[in-house]
């Protein structure tokens, strides 16, 4: 799984996060080759959402924030 560059030095790496049996879809968010966040995709069936993600862990300016959003 490679990194996909977005804009201004940001890039994503798709990963599997071992939070439930079989894991969940996840994304590592990089800024200039430094890890700044770990995202997981919210279960659409369990939470009636479509295409939403959760900020599991943020570093630096994102530290302590836990938000849902559309990627």
C-alpha atoms as a PDB file:
ATOM      1  CA  UNK A   1       0.000   0.000   0.000  1.00  0.00           C
ATOM      2  CA  UNK A   2       1.624   3.194  -1.131  1.00  0.00           C
ATOM      3  CA  UNK A   3       1.166   6.804  -0.267  1.00  0.00           C
ATOM      4  CA  UNK A   4      -1.234   8.964  -2.254  1.00  0.00           C
ATOM      5  CA  UNK A   5      -0.157  12.607  -2.347  1.00  0.00           C
ATOM      6  CA  UNK A   6      -2.962  15.140  -1.892  1.00  0.00           C
ATOM      7  CA  UNK A   7      -1.822  18.724  -1.556  1.00  0.00           C
ATOM      8  CA  UNK A   8       0.794  20.906   0.142  1.00  0.00           C
ATOM      9  CA  UNK A   9       2.954  18.055   1.400  1.00  0.00           C
ATOM     10  CA  UNK A  10       0.047  15.922   2.696  1.00  0.00           C
ATOM     11  CA  UNK A  11      -0.291  12.276   1.705  1.00  0.00           C
ATOM     12  CA  UNK A  12      -2.386   9.247   2.734  1.00  0.00           C
ATOM     13  CA  UNK A  13      -1.362   5.618   3.207  1.00  0.00           C
ATOM     14  CA  UNK A  14      -4.235   3.129   3.205  1.00  0.00           C
ATOM     15  CA  UNK A  15      -3.874   0.482   5.951  1.00  0.00           C
ATOM     16  CA  UNK A  16      -5.865  -2.049   7.956  1.00  0.00           C
ATOM     17  CA  UNK A  17      -6.316  -1.023  11.595  1.00  0.00           C
ATOM     18  CA  UNK A  18      -6.638  -3.925  14.055  1.00  0.00           C
ATOM     19  CA  UNK A  19      -9.503  -2.500  16.122  1.00  0.00           C
ATOM     20  CA  UNK A  20     -12.079  -5.259  15.446  1.00  0.00           C
ATOM     21  CA  UNK A  21     -12.017  -8.830  14.173  1.00  0.00           C
ATOM     22  CA  UNK A  22     -10.591  -8.697  10.674  1.00  0.00           C
ATOM     23  CA  UNK A  23      -9.566  -5.076  11.095  1.00  0.00           C
ATOM     24  CA  UNK A  24     -11.027  -1.865   9.756  1.00  0.00           C
ATOM     25  CA  UNK A  25     -10.163   0.313   6.792  1.00  0.00           C
ATOM     26  CA  UNK A  26      -7.767   2.974   7.908  1.00  0.00           C
ATOM     27  CA  UNK A  27      -5.590   5.773   6.651  1.00  0.00           C
ATOM     28  CA  UNK A  28      -2.325   7.167   7.928  1.00  0.00           C
ATOM     29  CA  UNK A  29      -2.087  10.902   7.237  1.00  0.00           C
ATOM     30  CA  UNK A  30       1.386  12.268   6.542  1.00  0.00           C
ATOM     31  CA  UNK A  31       2.603  15.872   6.338  1.00  0.00           C
ATOM     32  CA  UNK A  32       6.097  16.237   4.869  1.00  0.00           C
ATOM     33  CA  UNK A  33       6.920  12.599   5.775  1.00  0.00           C
ATOM     34  CA  UNK A  34       5.771  13.000   9.407  1.00  0.00           C
ATOM     35  CA  UNK A  35       2.778  11.012  10.708  1.00  0.00           C
ATOM     36  CA  UNK A  36       0.089  13.488  11.832  1.00  0.00           C
ATOM     37  CA  UNK A  37      -3.073  11.346  12.141  1.00  0.00           C
ATOM     38  CA  UNK A  38      -4.622   7.869  12.095  1.00  0.00           C
ATOM     39  CA  UNK A  39      -8.138   7.648  10.624  1.00  0.00           C
ATOM     40  CA  UNK A  40     -10.630   4.761  10.568  1.00  0.00           C
ATOM     41  CA  UNK A  41     -13.668   4.395   8.342  1.00  0.00           C
ATOM     42  CA  UNK A  42     -16.932   4.421  10.311  1.00  0.00           C
ATOM     43  CA  UNK A  43     -19.039   1.259   9.938  1.00  0.00           C
ATOM     44  CA  UNK A  44     -21.896   2.303   7.619  1.00  0.00           C
ATOM     45  CA  UNK A  45     -24.308  -0.404   8.811  1.00  0.00           C
ATOM     46  CA  UNK A  46     -23.756   0.082  12.539  1.00  0.00           C
ATOM     47  CA  UNK A  47     -23.903   3.896  12.498  1.00  0.00           C
ATOM     48  CA  UNK A  48     -26.051   4.710   9.420  1.00  0.00           C
ATOM     49  CA  UNK A  49     -23.267   6.710   7.817  1.00  0.00           C
ATOM     50  CA  UNK A  50     -21.857   6.713   4.320  1.00  0.00           C
ATOM     51  CA  UNK A  51     -18.280   7.671   3.569  1.00  0.00           C
ATOM     52  CA  UNK A  52     -17.511   9.056   7.031  1.00  0.00           C
ATOM     53  CA  UNK A  53     -14.196   8.693   8.833  1.00  0.00           C
ATOM     54  CA  UNK A  54     -13.124   9.064  12.477  1.00  0.00           C
ATOM     55  CA  UNK A  55      -9.935  10.703  13.710  1.00  0.00           C
ATOM     56  CA  UNK A  56      -8.633   7.943  16.005  1.00  0.00           C
ATOM     57  CA  UNK A  57      -5.353   9.618  16.909  1.00  0.00           C
ATOM     58  CA  UNK A  58      -3.845  12.945  16.012  1.00  0.00           C
ATOM     59  CA  UNK A  59      -0.346  14.223  16.647  1.00  0.00           C
ATOM     60  CA  UNK A  60       0.916  17.782  17.048  1.00  0.00           C
ATOM     61  CA  UNK A  61      -1.905  20.264  16.349  1.00  0.00           C
ATOM     62  CA  UNK A  62      -4.393  17.377  16.013  1.00  0.00           C
ATOM     63  CA  UNK A  63      -3.545  15.875  19.406  1.00  0.00           C
ATOM     64  CA  UNK A  64      -6.595  15.246  21.605  1.00  0.00           C
ATOM     65  CA  UNK A  65      -9.133  15.811  18.827  1.00  0.00           C
ATOM     66  CA  UNK A  66     -11.610  13.071  17.938  1.00  0.00           C
ATOM     67  CA  UNK A  67     -13.938  14.037  15.090  1.00  0.00           C
ATOM     68  CA  UNK A  68     -16.087  12.459  12.405  1.00  0.00           C
ATOM     69  CA  UNK A  69     -15.796  13.817   8.863  1.00  0.00           C
ATOM     70  CA  UNK A  70     -16.076  12.955   5.174  1.00  0.00           C
ATOM     71  CA  UNK A  71     -12.756  12.277   3.487  1.00  0.00           C
END
